[in-house]
PDB file of N, CA and C in Angstrom:
ATOM      1  N   MET A   1       0.836  -1.181   0.000  1.00  0.00           N
ATOM      2  CA  MET A   1       0.000   0.000   0.000  1.00  0.00           C
ATOM      3  C   MET A   1       0.883   1.248   0.000  1.00  0.00           C
ATOM      4  N   VAL A   2       0.478   2.226  -0.783  1.00  0.00           N
ATOM      5  CA  VAL A   2       1.215   3.487  -0.894  1.00  0.00           C
ATOM      6  C   VAL A   2       0.732   4.431   0.206  1.00  0.00           C
ATOM      7  N   ASN A   3       1.665   5.115   0.844  1.00  0.00           N
ATOM      8  CA  ASN A   3       1.335   6.087   1.877  1.00  0.00           C
ATOM      9  C   ASN A   3       1.542   7.484   1.306  1.00  0.00           C
ATOM     10  N   ILE A   4       0.483   8.283   1.299  1.00  0.00           N
ATOM     11  CA  ILE A   4       0.532   9.640   0.747  1.00  0.00           C
ATOM     12  C   ILE A   4       0.160  10.626   1.838  1.00  0.00           C
ATOM     13  N   LYS A   5       0.955  11.689   1.973  1.00  0.00           N
ATOM     14  CA  LYS A   5       0.644  12.739   2.939  1.00  0.00           C
ATOM     15  C   LYS A   5       0.538  14.066   2.211  1.00  0.00           C
ATOM     16  N   VAL A   6      -0.518  14.805   2.527  1.00  0.00           N
ATOM     17  CA  VAL A   6      -0.699  16.158   2.013  1.00  0.00           C
ATOM     18  C   VAL A   6      -0.353  17.090   3.172  1.00  0.00           C
ATOM     19  N   LEU A   7       0.710  17.881   2.992  1.00  0.00           N
ATOM     20  CA  LEU A   7       1.171  18.780   4.043  1.00  0.00           C
ATOM     21  C   LEU A   7       0.613  20.174   3.810  1.00  0.00           C
ATOM     22  N   GLY A   8      -0.021  20.736   4.831  1.00  0.00           N
ATOM     23  CA  GLY A   8      -0.538  22.093   4.696  1.00  0.00           C
ATOM     24  C   GLY A   8      -1.592  22.406   5.734  1.00  0.00           C
ATOM     25  N   SER A   9      -1.985  23.659   5.751  1.00  0.00           N
ATOM     26  CA  SER A   9      -2.908  24.155   6.774  1.00  0.00           C
ATOM     27  C   SER A   9      -4.359  23.763   6.528  1.00  0.00           C
ATOM     28  N   GLY A  10      -4.655  23.251   5.355  1.00  0.00           N
ATOM     29  CA  GLY A  10      -6.044  22.940   5.009  1.00  0.00           C
ATOM     30  C   GLY A  10      -6.646  24.000   4.099  1.00  0.00           C
ATOM     31  N   CYS A  11      -5.787  24.809   3.489  1.00  0.00           N
ATOM     32  CA  CYS A  11      -6.226  25.878   2.590  1.00  0.00           C
ATOM     33  C   CYS A  11      -6.783  25.290   1.280  1.00  0.00           C
ATOM     34  N   ALA A  12      -7.281  26.147   0.421  1.00  0.00           N
ATOM     35  CA  ALA A  12      -7.860  25.709  -0.859  1.00  0.00           C
ATOM     36  C   ALA A  12      -6.835  24.943  -1.700  1.00  0.00           C
ATOM     37  N   ASN A  13      -5.577  25.415  -1.730  1.00  0.00           N
ATOM     38  CA  ASN A  13      -4.543  24.728  -2.507  1.00  0.00           C
ATOM     39  C   ASN A  13      -4.268  23.337  -1.950  1.00  0.00           C
ATOM     40  N   CYS A  14      -4.286  23.201  -0.632  1.00  0.00           N
ATOM     41  CA  CYS A  14      -4.066  21.895  -0.011  1.00  0.00           C
ATOM     42  C   CYS A  14      -5.194  20.937  -0.394  1.00  0.00           C
ATOM     43  N   LYS A  15      -6.409  21.458  -0.402  1.00  0.00           N
ATOM     44  CA  LYS A  15      -7.565  20.631  -0.759  1.00  0.00           C
ATOM     45  C   LYS A  15      -7.496  20.205  -2.220  1.00  0.00           C
ATOM     46  N   ARG A  16      -7.051  21.117  -3.093  1.00  0.00           N
ATOM     47  CA  ARG A  16      -6.918  20.782  -4.515  1.00  0.00           C
ATOM     48  C   ARG A  16      -5.844  19.716  -4.717  1.00  0.00           C
ATOM     49  N   LEU A  17      -4.745  19.827  -3.978  1.00  0.00           N
ATOM     50  CA  LEU A  17      -3.673  18.829  -4.063  1.00  0.00           C
ATOM     51  C   LEU A  17      -4.193  17.466  -3.610  1.00  0.00           C
ATOM     52  N   GLU A  18      -4.931  17.447  -2.516  1.00  0.00           N
ATOM     53  CA  GLU A  18      -5.491  16.181  -2.027  1.00  0.00           C
ATOM     54  C   GLU A  18      -6.438  15.581  -3.065  1.00  0.00           C
ATOM     55  N   GLU A  19      -7.256  16.421  -3.689  1.00  0.00           N
ATOM     56  CA  GLU A  19      -8.193  15.969  -4.723  1.00  0.00           C
ATOM     57  C   GLU A  19      -7.432  15.343  -5.904  1.00  0.00           C
ATOM     58  N   ASN A  20      -6.356  16.013  -6.353  1.00  0.00           N
ATOM     59  CA  ASN A  20      -5.539  15.480  -7.456  1.00  0.00           C
ATOM     60  C   ASN A  20      -4.908  14.147  -7.067  1.00  0.00           C
ATOM     61  N   ALA A  21      -4.453  14.029  -5.821  1.00  0.00           N
ATOM     62  CA  ALA A  21      -3.840  12.780  -5.365  1.00  0.00           C
ATOM     63  C   ALA A  21      -4.871  11.656  -5.358  1.00  0.00           C
ATOM     64  N   ARG A  22      -6.072  11.958  -4.867  1.00  0.00           N
ATOM     65  CA  ARG A  22      -7.135  10.934  -4.839  1.00  0.00           C
ATOM     66  C   ARG A  22      -7.504  10.483  -6.257  1.00  0.00           C
ATOM     67  N   LYS A  23      -7.577  11.432  -7.192  1.00  0.00           N
ATOM     68  CA  LYS A  23      -7.891  11.090  -8.587  1.00  0.00           C
ATOM     69  C   LYS A  23      -6.793  10.212  -9.190  1.00  0.00           C
ATOM     70  N   ALA A  24      -5.517  10.538  -8.896  1.00  0.00           N
ATOM     71  CA  ALA A  24      -4.396   9.755  -9.429  1.00  0.00           C
ATOM     72  C   ALA A  24      -4.442   8.325  -8.895  1.00  0.00           C
ATOM     73  N   VAL A  25      -4.737   8.168  -7.609  1.00  0.00           N
ATOM     74  CA  VAL A  25      -4.845   6.843  -6.995  1.00  0.00           C
ATOM     75  C   VAL A  25      -5.977   6.054  -7.658  1.00  0.00           C
ATOM     76  N   GLU A  26      -7.107   6.722  -7.858  1.00  0.00           N
ATOM     77  CA  GLU A  26      -8.265   6.076  -8.479  1.00  0.00           C
ATOM     78  C   GLU A  26      -7.961   5.670  -9.917  1.00  0.00           C
ATOM     79  N   THR A  27      -7.305   6.561 -10.680  1.00  0.00           N
ATOM     80  CA  THR A  27      -6.960   6.285 -12.068  1.00  0.00           C
ATOM     81  C   THR A  27      -6.037   5.080 -12.184  1.00  0.00           C
ATOM     82  N   LEU A  28      -5.058   5.009 -11.275  1.00  0.00           N
ATOM     83  CA  LEU A  28      -4.100   3.895 -11.300  1.00  0.00           C
ATOM     84  C   LEU A  28      -4.685   2.616 -10.720  1.00  0.00           C
ATOM     85  N   GLY A  29      -5.752   2.743  -9.957  1.00  0.00           N
ATOM     86  CA  GLY A  29      -6.370   1.571  -9.343  1.00  0.00           C
ATOM     87  C   GLY A  29      -5.486   0.940  -8.284  1.00  0.00           C
ATOM     88  N   ILE A  30      -4.751   1.766  -7.545  1.00  0.00           N
ATOM     89  CA  ILE A  30      -3.868   1.231  -6.506  1.00  0.00           C
ATOM     90  C   ILE A  30      -4.475   1.479  -5.133  1.00  0.00           C
ATOM     91  N   GLU A  31      -3.955   0.761  -4.149  1.00  0.00           N
ATOM     92  CA  GLU A  31      -4.401   0.939  -2.777  1.00  0.00           C
ATOM     93  C   GLU A  31      -3.479   1.963  -2.124  1.00  0.00           C
ATOM     94  N   ALA A  32      -4.059   3.002  -1.568  1.00  0.00           N
ATOM     95  CA  ALA A  32      -3.254   4.053  -0.950  1.00  0.00           C
ATOM     96  C   ALA A  32      -3.966   4.641   0.250  1.00  0.00           C
ATOM     97  N   GLU A  33      -3.164   5.052   1.205  1.00  0.00           N
ATOM     98  CA  GLU A  33      -3.694   5.755   2.365  1.00  0.00           C
ATOM     99  C   GLU A  33      -3.299   7.215   2.198  1.00  0.00           C
ATOM    100  N   ILE A  34      -4.296   8.106   2.199  1.00  0.00           N
ATOM    101  CA  ILE A  34      -4.025   9.542   2.048  1.00  0.00           C
ATOM    102  C   ILE A  34      -4.316  10.218   3.381  1.00  0.00           C
ATOM    103  N   VAL A  35      -3.285  10.863   3.912  1.00  0.00           N
ATOM    104  CA  VAL A  35      -3.391  11.516   5.215  1.00  0.00           C
ATOM    105  C   VAL A  35      -3.137  13.006   5.052  1.00  0.00           C
ATOM    106  N   LYS A  36      -3.975  13.818   5.697  1.00  0.00           N
ATOM    107  CA  LYS A  36      -3.758  15.263   5.707  1.00  0.00           C
ATOM    108  C   LYS A  36      -2.940  15.596   6.953  1.00  0.00           C
ATOM    109  N   VAL A  37      -1.815  16.285   6.764  1.00  0.00           N
ATOM    110  CA  VAL A  37      -0.969  16.689   7.888  1.00  0.00           C
ATOM    111  C   VAL A  37      -1.088  18.203   8.021  1.00  0.00           C
ATOM    112  N   THR A  38      -1.719  18.648   9.100  1.00  0.00           N
ATOM    113  CA  THR A  38      -1.934  20.076   9.298  1.00  0.00           C
ATOM    114  C   THR A  38      -1.130  20.637  10.474  1.00  0.00           C
ATOM    115  N   GLU A  39      -0.579  19.747  11.299  1.00  0.00           N
ATOM    116  CA  GLU A  39       0.213  20.187  12.457  1.00  0.00           C
ATOM    117  C   GLU A  39       1.566  20.705  11.984  1.00  0.00           C
ATOM    118  N   TYR A  40       1.874  21.954  12.369  1.00  0.00           N
ATOM    119  CA  TYR A  40       3.125  22.589  11.943  1.00  0.00           C
ATOM    120  C   TYR A  40       4.352  21.777  12.362  1.00  0.00           C
ATOM    121  N   ALA A  41       4.335  21.203  13.556  1.00  0.00           N
ATOM    122  CA  ALA A  41       5.470  20.405  14.055  1.00  0.00           C
ATOM    123  C   ALA A  41       5.707  19.184  13.163  1.00  0.00           C
ATOM    124  N   GLU A  42       4.619  18.581  12.672  1.00  0.00           N
ATOM    125  CA  GLU A  42       4.747  17.418  11.775  1.00  0.00           C
ATOM    126  C   GLU A  42       5.261  17.839  10.400  1.00  0.00           C
ATOM    127  N   ILE A  43       4.734  18.949   9.884  1.00  0.00           N
ATOM    128  CA  ILE A  43       5.142  19.443   8.564  1.00  0.00           C
ATOM    129  C   ILE A  43       6.635  19.762   8.560  1.00  0.00           C
ATOM    130  N   ARG A  44       7.126  20.336   9.665  1.00  0.00           N
ATOM    131  CA  ARG A  44       8.550  20.718   9.762  1.00  0.00           C
ATOM    132  C   ARG A  44       9.499  19.535   9.698  1.00  0.00           C
ATOM    133  N   LYS A  45       8.998  18.316   9.878  1.00  0.00           N
ATOM    134  CA  LYS A  45       9.852  17.116   9.806  1.00  0.00           C
ATOM    135  C   LYS A  45      10.349  16.871   8.380  1.00  0.00           C
ATOM    136  N   TYR A  46       9.734  17.533   7.417  1.00  0.00           N
ATOM    137  CA  TYR A  46      10.106  17.378   6.003  1.00  0.00           C
ATOM    138  C   TYR A  46      10.824  18.642   5.529  1.00  0.00           C
ATOM    139  N   PRO A  47      11.714  18.497   4.521  1.00  0.00           N
ATOM    140  CA  PRO A  47      12.455  19.672   4.016  1.00  0.00           C
ATOM    141  C   PRO A  47      11.573  20.545   3.122  1.00  0.00           C
ATOM    142  N   ILE A  48      10.606  21.211   3.726  1.00  0.00           N
ATOM    143  CA  ILE A  48       9.616  21.959   2.964  1.00  0.00           C
ATOM    144  C   ILE A  48       9.678  23.439   3.353  1.00  0.00           C
ATOM    145  N   MET A  49       9.709  24.303   2.346  1.00  0.00           N
ATOM    146  CA  MET A  49       9.756  25.748   2.582  1.00  0.00           C
ATOM    147  C   MET A  49       8.392  26.397   2.384  1.00  0.00           C
ATOM    148  N   ALA A  50       7.537  25.772   1.569  1.00  0.00           N
ATOM    149  CA  ALA A  50       6.216  26.329   1.288  1.00  0.00           C
ATOM    150  C   ALA A  50       5.208  25.196   1.129  1.00  0.00           C
ATOM    151  N   THR A  51       3.984  25.451   1.567  1.00  0.00           N
ATOM    152  CA  THR A  51       2.929  24.457   1.389  1.00  0.00           C
ATOM    153  C   THR A  51       2.090  24.837   0.172  1.00  0.00           C
ATOM    154  N   PRO A  52       1.344  23.949  -0.422  1.00  0.00           N
ATOM    155  CA  PRO A  52       1.146  22.585   0.039  1.00  0.00           C
ATOM    156  C   PRO A  52       2.330  21.684  -0.339  1.00  0.00           C
ATOM    157  N   GLY A  53       2.460  20.602   0.400  1.00  0.00           N
ATOM    158  CA  GLY A  53       3.515  19.634   0.117  1.00  0.00           C
ATOM    159  C   GLY A  53       2.902  18.263  -0.093  1.00  0.00           C
ATOM    160  N   LEU A  54       3.597  17.448  -0.868  1.00  0.00           N
ATOM    161  CA  LEU A  54       3.131  16.082  -1.118  1.00  0.00           C
ATOM    162  C   LEU A  54       4.261  15.116  -0.800  1.00  0.00           C
ATOM    163  N   VAL A  55       3.947  14.147   0.048  1.00  0.00           N
ATOM    164  CA  VAL A  55       4.914  13.142   0.464  1.00  0.00           C
ATOM    165  C   VAL A  55       4.384  11.777   0.029  1.00  0.00           C
ATOM    166  N   VAL A  56       5.224  11.017  -0.693  1.00  0.00           N
ATOM    167  CA  VAL A  56       4.849   9.665  -1.112  1.00  0.00           C
ATOM    168  C   VAL A  56       5.834   8.700  -0.467  1.00  0.00           C
ATOM    169  N   ASN A  57       5.303   7.787   0.354  1.00  0.00           N
ATOM    170  CA  ASN A  57       6.136   6.828   1.086  1.00  0.00           C
ATOM    171  C   ASN A  57       7.301   7.514   1.792  1.00  0.00           C
ATOM    172  N   GLU A  58       6.989   8.578   2.526  1.00  0.00           N
ATOM    173  CA  GLU A  58       7.937   9.344   3.348  1.00  0.00           C
ATOM    174  C   GLU A  58       8.979  10.127   2.549  1.00  0.00           C
ATOM    175  N   LYS A  59       8.782  10.274   1.217  1.00  0.00           N
ATOM    176  CA  LYS A  59       9.694  11.079   0.401  1.00  0.00           C
ATOM    177  C   LYS A  59       8.938  12.307  -0.105  1.00  0.00           C
ATOM    178  N   LEU A  60       9.468  13.489   0.193  1.00  0.00           N
ATOM    179  CA  LEU A  60       8.845  14.725  -0.283  1.00  0.00           C
ATOM    180  C   LEU A  60       9.047  14.814  -1.794  1.00  0.00           C
ATOM    181  N   VAL A  61       7.944  14.857  -2.543  1.00  0.00           N
ATOM    182  CA  VAL A  61       8.049  14.907  -4.003  1.00  0.00           C
ATOM    183  C   VAL A  61       7.637  16.262  -4.573  1.00  0.00           C
ATOM    184  N   SER A  62       6.916  17.064  -3.779  1.00  0.00           N
ATOM    185  CA  SER A  62       6.464  18.361  -4.267  1.00  0.00           C
ATOM    186  C   SER A  62       6.229  19.297  -3.093  1.00  0.00           C
ATOM    187  N   ALA A  63       6.557  20.593  -3.307  1.00  0.00           N
ATOM    188  CA  ALA A  63       6.304  21.592  -2.268  1.00  0.00           C
ATOM    189  C   ALA A  63       6.050  22.947  -2.916  1.00  0.00           C
ATOM    190  N   GLY A  64       5.116  23.686  -2.354  1.00  0.00           N
ATOM    191  CA  GLY A  64       4.852  25.045  -2.805  1.00  0.00           C
ATOM    192  C   GLY A  64       4.078  25.176  -4.098  1.00  0.00           C
ATOM    193  N   ARG A  65       3.511  24.085  -4.585  1.00  0.00           N
ATOM    194  CA  ARG A  65       2.724  24.140  -5.818  1.00  0.00           C
ATOM    195  C   ARG A  65       1.731  22.979  -5.841  1.00  0.00           C
ATOM    196  N   ILE A  66       0.878  22.978  -6.856  1.00  0.00           N
ATOM    197  CA  ILE A  66      -0.120  21.913  -6.987  1.00  0.00           C
ATOM    198  C   ILE A  66       0.210  21.101  -8.242  1.00  0.00           C
ATOM    199  N   PRO A  67       0.860  19.950  -8.062  1.00  0.00           N
ATOM    200  CA  PRO A  67       1.169  19.124  -9.235  1.00  0.00           C
ATOM    201  C   PRO A  67      -0.108  18.550  -9.859  1.00  0.00           C
ATOM    202  N   SER A  68      -0.041  18.281 -11.142  1.00  0.00           N
ATOM    203  CA  SER A  68      -1.203  17.739 -11.845  1.00  0.00           C
ATOM    204  C   SER A  68      -1.440  16.287 -11.440  1.00  0.00           C
ATOM    205  N   GLU A  69      -2.622  15.814 -11.753  1.00  0.00           N
ATOM    206  CA  GLU A  69      -2.965  14.411 -11.489  1.00  0.00           C
ATOM    207  C   GLU A  69      -1.980  13.477 -12.187  1.00  0.00           C
ATOM    208  N   ALA A  70      -1.587  13.833 -13.435  1.00  0.00           N
ATOM    209  CA  ALA A  70      -0.641  13.008 -14.207  1.00  0.00           C
ATOM    210  C   ALA A  70       0.725  12.958 -13.530  1.00  0.00           C
ATOM    211  N   GLU A  71       1.191  14.108 -13.021  1.00  0.00           N
ATOM    212  CA  GLU A  71       2.479  14.146 -12.319  1.00  0.00           C
ATOM    213  C   GLU A  71       2.447  13.250 -11.081  1.00  0.00           C
ATOM    214  N   ILE A  72       1.364  13.357 -10.329  1.00  0.00           N
ATOM    215  CA  ILE A  72       1.232  12.556  -9.112  1.00  0.00           C
ATOM    216  C   ILE A  72       1.190  11.072  -9.477  1.00  0.00           C
ATOM    217  N   ALA A  73       0.468  10.722 -10.527  1.00  0.00           N
ATOM    218  CA  ALA A  73       0.393   9.331 -10.964  1.00  0.00           C
ATOM    219  C   ALA A  73       1.778   8.800 -11.320  1.00  0.00           C
ATOM    220  N   ALA A  74       2.593   9.613 -11.965  1.00  0.00           N
ATOM    221  CA  ALA A  74       3.965   9.202 -12.337  1.00  0.00           C
ATOM    222  C   ALA A  74       4.780   8.920 -11.073  1.00  0.00           C
ATOM    223  N   TRP A  75       4.642   9.769 -10.050  1.00  0.00           N
ATOM    224  CA  TRP A  75       5.388   9.539  -8.800  1.00  0.00           C
ATOM    225  C   TRP A  75       4.904   8.272  -8.098  1.00  0.00           C
ATOM    226  N   LEU A  76       3.611   8.001  -8.178  1.00  0.00           N
ATOM    227  CA  LEU A  76       3.063   6.829  -7.519  1.00  0.00           C
ATOM    228  C   LEU A  76       3.517   5.541  -8.212  1.00  0.00           C
ATOM    229  N   LYS A  77       3.709   5.611  -9.530  1.00  0.00           N
ATOM    230  CA  LYS A  77       4.162   4.447 -10.283  1.00  0.00           C
ATOM    231  C   LYS A  77       5.641   4.151 -10.040  1.00  0.00           C
ATOM    232  N   ALA A  78       6.432   5.197  -9.733  1.00  0.00           N
ATOM    233  CA  ALA A  78       7.880   5.045  -9.572  1.00  0.00           C
ATOM    234  C   ALA A  78       8.241   4.226  -8.350  1.00  0.00           C
TER     235      ALA A  78
END
């Protein structure tokens, strides 16, 4: 199972990132757990300068922008 974390305060961009991640998981037909991380202390554990951030299996793959569903799908396949 793939572990996905959306890092951010819960703003509109964070919600859009989570939506794109859910669509990518659905498109690929894989099993994934998507967790929203809103606690600042937890977010700081990753090398992130701006939110929203996306973490796949504990690896930060995106920060400060909203990657497309296709981009997220590529990271999930890797």
